[in-house]
Structure formats: C-alpha cells, structure tokens
Amino acid sequence: MKIDEISVSAYTLPTDAPESDGTLGWDKTTMVLVEARGGDLTGLGYTYADASTAVLIRDLLGRVVTGSDAMNIPHTWSAMVRAVRNLGRPGTSAMAISAIDNALWDLKSKLLNVPLVALLGAVRSELPIYGSGGFTSYTDKRLAQQFVGWVEQGISRVKMKVGREPEKDLNRVEAARKAIGDQVELFVDANSAYDRKEALYYMERFAGDFDVRWMEQPLPPEDRTGMRFLRERSPSRMDITDGEYGYDLPYFREMIESGAVDVVMADATRCCGISGFLQVNALCEAWCLPMSSHCAPLLHVHPGCALSSMRHAEYFHDHVRIERMFFDGVAEPRDGALRPDLSVPGSGISLRKADAEPYRLKL
C-alpha cells in the first residue's frame, strides 16, 4: 500500500487564561495536523508548533513522503531526515517530521486493522499520568483549584511552574502542598529560570520543606555540567529531569552520558515522531534510566504503553483542552492513568472538523 496523499492544516486556539512559566508567557497555542491517506484510510498525526511547520510539510516533506510504502515507516522517516539536511534538523524540521511520522504510524495500524499499541507491542495496559499546569500567572487560589480538581479525578501527581519570581516560589509551593495534602506527589518545573546557586537552594528547600519529588529543567538544557552538579547533590527522593527540547538522538545520548538527569523526558511531537520516541526508549533501556513523555498526552497513550522504560506521561492542561475540543476518542483519566482504546484500529482518535474549523489558519 502506497501513501497516496499528505495533507496538512494548522489551528491556533487562545488559552483559557494568560499563562506563563519561569521564562516565557503565552496566550495561544498552535497545532499542526497531518492527514496521511492510503487507499480508503487516513492516519492522523500532529505537533504543537509554529504555523511555518505546516508550510514546510506542504512545500517539502509532503512530496518526499507521497508515494512511499505505508508499511515501511523507517525508510520514509530516513528520507524525511535527509530532506531537511540543509535546513537543520532541530526545531521546526524535527516537529514537521514528527507530525508526519505520527500520522504514518496511525495509518499503518489502521491498514493492518489493529490498535497502534498492538502494532508496537504492549508492555502495559495503562499509562500513569501527572497533572501539569500551575502556571506562574495563576493566583494561589486558581492553582489550588486546578490541583484539587486533578486529585479528585484520581491523579496522584501534579506539577507546577516556578522560577519567574523566585522570591515567591517557596510560598507558592507551600500553597500547592497545602491544597493537595501529604499523599499526592508534587513536581516543579523551572523552565531554565534559575542559575546554579539558585537551583541548588530551591531544590533543597522544595524537597526538605514540601517533599517535592521532581525538579524539571532547573537550568538551560545545554548546561550539562550544571545539571550534573545539581543531580549529584539532589535529595535522594527528588529526581532531576530534562529532555523536552530533544529533537534528535545525539541530544539524548549526550544528556544521558553527561549524567545530567535521573529521568529522561521525550516528546513524540518534537523528537521526530513515534519513530524517534522508540529510539529514545532504546537509549533509556541501555542506560537503565526511566523515561517520561512531555505534553500531548493523547498522542503518547499508545506508544507509552509499548515502552518498557516509561514511568508516566505529562497531562498538560493546554493540550488536554485542545485535544478534547478537536478529537473524538480522547482517553480520559481513570485511577490516575490513561488507557488505549483496543476496540478500534490505529490511535483511536478522529478529528471533529466542524469543531476545529473556526480556529484554522490560512497557510
């Protein structure tokens, strides 16, 4: 079966409130969606990226993929990687490849009439998640409401943003801990807002005073020496983690070899799709490190249940909202986990075009 057509669209949605983390603020999110058609079937894939990613797919990568064997994803993936050689692979190119690759995996499993997780090979029946939001733009009251809402759904881990105003971080983390009680795991994400001394101070205070178990990207990801410095000094119950800006395998290999992290994060909307996600898992298995997925929870359900190194997935507020608005077949949390739908082939999702159309961009 050949890939007959690659079509791409982009949609921009306003957030439900202004949002910020330690180093960035935003009020909208853009999804780039690919439909890969083979015969009478269509595979869906997407990434969260700038609309220029859709232009790259339309003008270059779609032509590279069209006519390829739908059963031979590694061949097509390699062709896309070669095609962006002179553009640079990290960033837009990798996210464009991701959206197409994700659609190809959905199409292949539909052509074989099996759930995607069955095609990949399931190692678990459910994927644990943690609620992710707690933006620095939130008041303490809104942060507490969001976290309590997740806990009431049975989600036993929550993550908040820190670092924009470090002098307020201890009070904000204390407010979060009081809201969720002592039985829920609390994570923080600094989005590279701290310097080394700040990160060391807050790491020790967060863990010692509020039992924070996860410190994400306290420093810029290129500061491998600093990340290793922190990891070697982190409290025994706190994991240091990074990887959300990994676009290719050498990035992950260097991060792991440097000793920078306890947990590797990867994002199939950035690391060249499910194909790249599988490659990162192989690295984690070789180094005996756990892995966690970044954002886009719906996209990670099937591959997350197929990878032995997976610990959990990020249930990110913005993307949960968009995926519920746009797709049928969205997995809902049950007992703190997402479960793939084994009753339908592919990833089990379909686009509600009428609901998405008002947000569609002209390319």
Protein backbone atom coordinates (compact mmCIF):
# COMPACT_ATOMS: atom_id res chain seq x y z
CA MET A 1 0.00 0.00 0.00
CA LYS A 2 1.36 3.38 -1.04
CA ILE A 3 0.87 6.69 0.73
CA ASP A 4 -1.43 8.48 -1.69
CA GLU A 5 -1.55 11.92 -0.14
CA ILE A 6 -0.21 14.03 2.72
CA SER A 7 -2.39 16.98 3.69
CA VAL A 8 -1.63 19.47 6.44
CA SER A 9 -3.56 22.11 8.36
CA ALA A 10 -2.81 24.42 11.28
CA TYR A 11 -5.05 25.72 14.06
CA THR A 12 -4.44 28.41 16.66
CA LEU A 13 -6.51 28.48 19.86
CA PRO A 14 -6.43 31.10 22.60
CA THR A 15 -5.65 29.78 26.05
CA ASP A 16 -8.44 29.89 28.61
CA ALA A 17 -6.39 32.48 30.55
CA PRO A 18 -2.98 34.17 30.17
CA GLU A 19 -0.24 31.66 31.00
CA SER A 20 3.43 31.85 31.89
CA ASP A 21 6.25 29.72 33.23
CA GLY A 22 9.68 30.63 34.55
CA THR A 23 10.93 32.16 31.29
CA LEU A 24 8.04 32.59 28.85
CA GLY A 25 4.46 33.83 28.65
CA TRP A 26 1.78 32.96 26.06
CA ASP A 27 -1.90 33.35 25.32
CA LYS A 28 -2.41 30.94 22.41
CA THR A 29 -1.32 27.52 21.16
CA THR A 30 -0.92 26.27 17.59
CA MET A 31 -1.46 22.69 16.49
CA VAL A 32 -0.15 21.45 13.13
CA LEU A 33 -2.13 18.42 11.98
CA VAL A 34 -1.23 15.92 9.25
CA GLU A 35 -3.55 13.53 7.47
CA ALA A 36 -1.80 10.67 5.65
CA ARG A 37 -4.10 8.89 3.20
CA GLY A 38 -3.57 5.37 1.91
CA GLY A 39 -6.45 3.89 -0.04
CA ASP A 40 -9.67 4.47 1.85
CA LEU A 41 -7.93 5.03 5.19
CA THR A 42 -6.38 8.12 6.76
CA GLY A 43 -3.84 8.36 9.57
CA LEU A 44 -3.76 11.37 11.88
CA GLY A 45 -0.67 12.91 13.41
CA TYR A 46 0.13 16.29 14.92
CA THR A 47 2.61 18.50 16.66
CA TYR A 48 2.36 21.72 18.65
CA ALA A 49 4.47 24.17 16.68
CA ASP A 50 4.52 27.39 14.69
CA ALA A 51 2.43 27.52 11.50
CA SER A 52 5.66 27.61 9.49
CA THR A 53 5.95 23.92 10.33
CA ALA A 54 2.84 23.30 8.24
CA VAL A 55 4.36 25.22 5.32
CA LEU A 56 7.46 23.03 5.46
CA ILE A 57 5.27 19.94 5.33
CA ARG A 58 3.18 21.30 2.47
CA ASP A 59 6.09 22.52 0.35
CA LEU A 60 8.74 19.86 1.01
CA LEU A 61 8.14 16.88 3.24
CA GLY A 62 4.71 16.01 1.89
CA ARG A 63 6.25 15.48 -1.54
CA VAL A 64 9.03 13.36 -0.05
CA VAL A 65 6.53 11.05 1.66
CA THR A 66 3.84 10.76 -1.04
CA GLY A 67 4.20 7.51 -2.95
CA SER A 68 6.20 5.80 -0.20
CA ASP A 69 5.37 2.33 1.15
CA ALA A 70 2.97 2.82 4.05
CA MET A 71 4.32 -0.37 5.66
CA ASN A 72 7.94 0.80 5.63
CA ILE A 73 7.99 3.71 8.05
CA PRO A 74 11.76 3.58 8.77
CA HIS A 75 12.53 4.12 5.07
CA THR A 76 10.18 7.09 4.86
CA TRP A 77 11.46 8.52 8.15
CA SER A 78 15.05 8.37 6.88
CA ALA A 79 14.03 10.08 3.64
CA MET A 80 12.50 12.96 5.60
CA VAL A 81 15.64 13.32 7.73
CA ARG A 82 17.78 13.51 4.58
CA ALA A 83 15.44 16.06 3.01
CA VAL A 84 15.96 18.61 5.83
CA ARG A 85 19.77 18.31 5.83
CA ASN A 86 20.37 21.87 4.65
CA LEU A 87 17.61 23.31 6.84
CA GLY A 88 18.88 21.97 10.15
CA ARG A 89 17.14 19.13 11.94
CA PRO A 90 16.36 20.54 15.43
CA GLY A 91 13.30 22.71 15.85
CA THR A 92 10.84 23.22 13.01
CA SER A 93 12.21 20.43 10.80
CA ALA A 94 12.01 17.85 13.59
CA MET A 95 8.48 18.90 14.52
CA ALA A 96 7.38 18.66 10.88
CA ILE A 97 8.86 15.16 10.65
CA SER A 98 7.13 14.32 13.93
CA ALA A 99 3.67 15.25 12.70
CA ILE A 100 4.06 13.15 9.55
CA ASP A 101 5.65 10.20 11.31
CA ASN A 102 2.86 10.12 13.90
CA ALA A 103 0.29 10.07 11.08
CA LEU A 104 2.15 7.22 9.35
CA TRP A 105 2.05 5.04 12.46
CA ASP A 106 -1.67 5.68 12.80
CA LEU A 107 -2.20 4.84 9.12
CA LYS A 108 -0.13 1.67 9.24
CA SER A 109 -2.02 0.28 12.22
CA LYS A 110 -5.33 1.12 10.53
CA LEU A 111 -4.21 -0.67 7.36
CA LEU A 112 -3.38 -3.71 9.48
CA ASN A 113 -6.66 -3.27 11.39
CA VAL A 114 -5.02 -3.32 14.83
CA PRO A 115 -4.73 -0.76 17.65
CA LEU A 116 -1.48 1.16 17.46
CA VAL A 117 -0.33 -0.24 20.81
CA ALA A 118 -0.77 -3.77 19.43
CA LEU A 119 1.36 -2.92 16.40
CA LEU A 120 4.08 -1.50 18.66
CA GLY A 121 3.76 -4.33 21.20
CA ALA A 122 2.12 -3.58 24.55
CA VAL A 123 4.08 -3.95 27.77
CA ARG A 124 1.35 -2.42 29.98
CA SER A 125 -2.37 -1.85 29.79
CA GLU A 126 -2.35 1.74 31.11
CA LEU A 127 -0.11 4.79 31.22
CA PRO A 128 0.19 6.63 34.56
CA ILE A 129 -0.06 10.42 34.28
CA TYR A 130 0.62 13.55 36.29
CA GLY A 131 -1.45 16.72 36.09
CA SER A 132 0.62 19.59 34.68
CA GLY A 133 -0.17 23.29 34.84
CA GLY A 134 0.16 25.51 37.91
CA PHE A 135 1.37 28.40 35.76
CA THR A 136 3.25 31.29 37.33
CA SER A 137 0.45 33.57 36.08
CA TYR A 138 -2.06 31.76 38.31
CA THR A 139 -3.14 33.07 41.66
CA ASP A 140 -2.70 30.69 44.57
CA LYS A 141 -6.46 30.16 44.53
CA ARG A 142 -6.56 29.14 40.87
CA LEU A 143 -3.52 26.90 41.28
CA ALA A 144 -5.18 25.15 44.22
CA GLN A 145 -8.43 24.69 42.31
CA GLN A 146 -6.66 23.13 39.36
CA PHE A 147 -4.62 20.75 41.51
CA VAL A 148 -7.55 19.72 43.69
CA GLY A 149 -9.55 19.04 40.54
CA TRP A 150 -6.92 16.59 39.33
CA VAL A 151 -6.64 14.90 42.69
CA GLU A 152 -10.40 14.44 42.75
CA GLN A 153 -10.08 12.67 39.39
CA GLY A 154 -7.70 10.18 40.99
CA ILE A 155 -4.46 11.73 39.68
CA SER A 156 -1.85 11.32 42.40
CA ARG A 157 0.92 13.54 40.93
CA VAL A 158 0.78 17.24 39.98
CA LYS A 159 3.32 19.69 38.56
CA MET A 160 3.58 23.46 38.83
CA LYS A 161 5.73 26.14 37.20
CA VAL A 162 8.33 28.05 39.22
CA GLY A 163 11.17 30.50 38.66
CA ARG A 164 9.57 33.62 37.18
CA GLU A 165 9.72 35.39 40.55
CA PRO A 166 11.98 33.16 42.64
CA GLU A 167 11.30 35.13 45.80
CA LYS A 168 7.67 33.93 45.64
CA ASP A 169 8.42 30.30 44.84
CA LEU A 170 8.53 28.94 48.39
CA ASN A 171 5.16 30.49 49.24
CA ARG A 172 3.60 29.21 46.01
CA VAL A 173 4.92 25.68 46.52
CA GLU A 174 3.72 25.76 50.13
CA ALA A 175 0.24 26.78 48.93
CA ALA A 176 0.22 23.90 46.45
CA ARG A 177 1.27 21.39 49.11
CA LYS A 178 -1.46 22.58 51.48
CA ALA A 179 -4.06 22.26 48.72
CA ILE A 180 -3.21 18.66 47.76
CA GLY A 181 -2.27 17.25 51.16
CA ASP A 182 0.56 14.88 52.00
CA GLN A 183 -0.41 11.84 49.90
CA VAL A 184 -0.04 13.44 46.45
CA GLU A 185 3.37 13.78 44.77
CA LEU A 186 4.34 17.37 43.97
CA PHE A 187 6.59 18.26 40.99
CA VAL A 188 8.10 21.60 39.93
CA ASP A 189 9.32 22.84 36.55
CA ALA A 190 11.59 25.88 36.34
CA ASN A 191 11.92 26.06 32.53
CA SER A 192 15.58 27.10 32.88
CA ALA A 193 14.81 30.11 35.09
CA TYR A 194 17.44 29.52 37.80
CA ASP A 195 21.21 29.82 37.90
CA ARG A 196 23.20 27.06 39.58
CA LYS A 197 23.25 28.52 43.09
CA GLU A 198 19.56 29.43 42.98
CA ALA A 199 18.65 25.99 41.70
CA LEU A 200 20.64 24.29 44.46
CA TYR A 201 18.99 26.44 47.13
CA TYR A 202 15.44 25.91 45.91
CA MET A 203 16.00 22.24 45.22
CA GLU A 204 16.98 21.69 48.84
CA ARG A 205 14.13 23.84 50.20
CA PHE A 206 11.48 22.32 47.94
CA ALA A 207 12.46 18.79 48.91
CA GLY A 208 13.09 19.43 52.58
CA ASP A 209 10.12 21.66 53.36
CA PHE A 210 7.45 20.44 50.94
CA ASP A 211 8.52 16.95 49.83
CA VAL A 212 8.86 17.92 46.15
CA ARG A 213 9.85 14.80 44.21
CA TRP A 214 10.67 16.18 40.73
CA MET A 215 12.76 19.15 39.62
CA GLU A 216 12.45 19.74 35.89
CA GLN A 217 14.83 21.81 33.78
CA PRO A 218 16.22 23.96 36.60
CA LEU A 219 18.98 25.20 34.25
CA PRO A 220 19.30 25.75 30.50
CA PRO A 221 19.45 22.28 28.90
CA GLU A 222 22.84 22.99 27.31
CA ASP A 223 24.40 23.41 30.77
CA ARG A 224 25.20 19.72 31.16
CA THR A 225 27.86 20.38 33.78
CA GLY A 226 25.45 22.38 35.90
CA MET A 227 22.69 19.79 35.57
CA ARG A 228 25.08 17.06 36.68
CA PHE A 229 26.22 19.28 39.57
CA LEU A 230 22.60 19.51 40.75
CA ARG A 231 21.75 15.87 40.17
CA GLU A 232 24.71 14.69 42.24
CA ARG A 233 23.58 16.96 45.10
CA SER A 234 19.84 16.44 44.87
CA PRO A 235 17.96 14.89 47.81
CA SER A 236 17.52 11.15 47.44
CA ARG A 237 13.75 11.40 46.88
CA MET A 238 13.98 14.12 44.20
CA ASP A 239 14.51 13.38 40.50
CA ILE A 240 16.29 15.86 38.23
CA THR A 241 14.83 15.68 34.74
CA ASP A 242 15.06 17.25 31.29
CA GLY A 243 14.73 16.39 27.61
CA GLU A 244 11.66 18.19 26.31
CA TYR A 245 13.80 20.07 23.76
CA GLY A 246 15.42 16.93 22.43
CA TYR A 247 14.95 16.78 18.66
CA ASP A 248 17.44 14.05 17.72
CA LEU A 249 19.17 11.04 19.21
CA PRO A 250 22.63 12.66 19.73
CA TYR A 251 21.00 15.23 22.03
CA PHE A 252 19.60 12.49 24.26
CA ARG A 253 22.81 10.47 24.15
CA GLU A 254 24.87 13.49 25.25
CA MET A 255 22.39 14.35 28.01
CA ILE A 256 22.46 10.82 29.37
CA GLU A 257 26.22 10.34 29.04
CA SER A 258 26.87 13.61 30.88
CA GLY A 259 24.99 12.31 33.93
CA ALA A 260 22.64 15.31 33.80
CA VAL A 261 19.33 13.62 34.60
CA ASP A 262 17.64 10.93 36.67
CA VAL A 263 14.65 10.73 34.31
CA VAL A 264 14.70 11.35 30.55
CA MET A 265 11.81 13.35 29.09
CA ALA A 266 10.92 12.96 25.41
CA ASP A 267 8.15 14.35 23.22
CA ALA A 268 6.90 12.50 20.15
CA THR A 269 5.71 15.82 18.71
CA ARG A 270 9.33 17.05 18.73
CA CYS A 271 11.79 14.15 18.62
CA CYS A 272 10.88 13.14 15.05
CA GLY A 273 7.71 11.32 15.96
CA ILE A 274 6.92 7.93 17.41
CA SER A 275 9.92 6.57 15.48
CA GLY A 276 12.24 8.92 17.38
CA PHE A 277 10.38 8.21 20.62
CA LEU A 278 11.15 4.50 20.21
CA GLN A 279 14.81 5.34 19.67
CA VAL A 280 14.96 7.37 22.89
CA ASN A 281 13.41 4.44 24.74
CA ALA A 282 16.20 2.18 23.45
CA LEU A 283 18.78 4.60 24.87
CA CYS A 284 16.98 4.67 28.21
CA GLU A 285 16.88 0.88 28.33
CA ALA A 286 20.60 0.70 27.56
CA TRP A 287 21.38 3.16 30.38
CA CYS A 288 18.78 1.74 32.79
CA LEU A 289 17.04 5.11 33.09
CA PRO A 290 13.29 5.75 33.32
CA MET A 291 11.52 7.83 30.71
CA SER A 292 8.57 10.23 30.85
CA SER A 293 6.68 11.84 27.98
CA HIS A 294 6.35 15.60 27.60
CA CYS A 295 2.94 17.18 26.80
CA ALA A 296 0.50 15.97 24.07
CA PRO A 297 -0.96 13.27 26.35
CA LEU A 298 -3.38 11.84 23.77
CA LEU A 299 -0.58 11.20 21.31
CA HIS A 300 1.56 9.34 23.87
CA VAL A 301 -1.03 6.88 25.19
CA HIS A 302 -0.38 4.06 22.70
CA PRO A 303 3.42 4.36 22.43
CA GLY A 304 3.66 4.97 26.18
CA CYS A 305 2.02 1.59 26.83
CA ALA A 306 4.51 -0.07 24.47
CA LEU A 307 7.78 1.13 26.03
CA SER A 308 9.31 -0.65 28.99
CA SER A 309 11.20 2.38 30.31
CA MET A 310 8.12 4.63 30.59
CA ARG A 311 7.31 5.86 34.08
CA HIS A 312 4.46 8.26 33.34
CA ALA A 313 3.11 10.91 30.95
CA GLU A 314 2.52 14.63 31.33
CA TYR A 315 -1.18 15.50 31.36
CA PHE A 316 -0.65 19.10 30.27
CA HIS A 317 -3.56 21.50 30.77
CA ASP A 318 -3.37 23.33 27.42
CA HIS A 319 -3.07 20.21 25.30
CA VAL A 320 -5.75 18.29 27.20
CA ARG A 321 -8.12 21.17 26.49
CA ILE A 322 -7.30 21.29 22.77
CA GLU A 323 -7.43 17.53 22.29
CA ARG A 324 -10.85 17.36 23.92
CA MET A 325 -12.10 20.19 21.70
CA PHE A 326 -10.78 18.70 18.44
CA PHE A 327 -10.92 14.91 18.68
CA ASP A 328 -13.30 12.07 19.30
CA GLY A 329 -11.79 9.08 21.08
CA VAL A 330 -9.88 11.05 23.71
CA ALA A 331 -8.67 8.86 26.58
CA GLU A 332 -9.96 10.13 29.92
CA PRO A 333 -8.11 9.61 33.22
CA ARG A 334 -9.19 6.68 35.35
CA ASP A 335 -7.39 5.96 38.65
CA GLY A 336 -4.55 8.25 37.61
CA ALA A 337 -3.88 6.63 34.23
CA LEU A 338 -4.85 6.74 30.56
CA ARG A 339 -5.81 3.57 28.70
CA PRO A 340 -5.63 2.99 24.94
CA ASP A 341 -8.86 2.01 23.22
CA LEU A 342 -8.30 -1.55 22.00
CA SER A 343 -11.66 -1.77 20.24
CA VAL A 344 -10.64 0.34 17.23
CA PRO A 345 -7.60 0.31 14.91
CA GLY A 346 -4.92 2.96 14.99
CA SER A 347 -4.67 5.55 17.74
CA GLY A 348 -8.46 5.52 18.14
CA ILE A 349 -8.97 9.23 17.51
CA SER A 350 -10.77 11.16 14.79
CA LEU A 351 -10.85 14.87 14.04
CA ARG A 352 -14.10 16.74 14.53
CA LYS A 353 -13.53 19.04 11.56
CA ALA A 354 -16.51 21.26 12.25
CA ASP A 355 -15.22 21.99 15.75
CA ALA A 356 -11.68 22.65 14.56
CA GLU A 357 -12.54 24.77 11.50
CA PRO A 358 -13.13 28.08 13.34
CA TYR A 359 -9.52 28.01 14.53
CA ARG A 360 -7.96 27.02 11.22
CA LEU A 361 -5.19 29.23 9.81
CA LYS A 362 -4.76 30.20 6.18
CA LEU A 363 -1.41 28.81 5.01
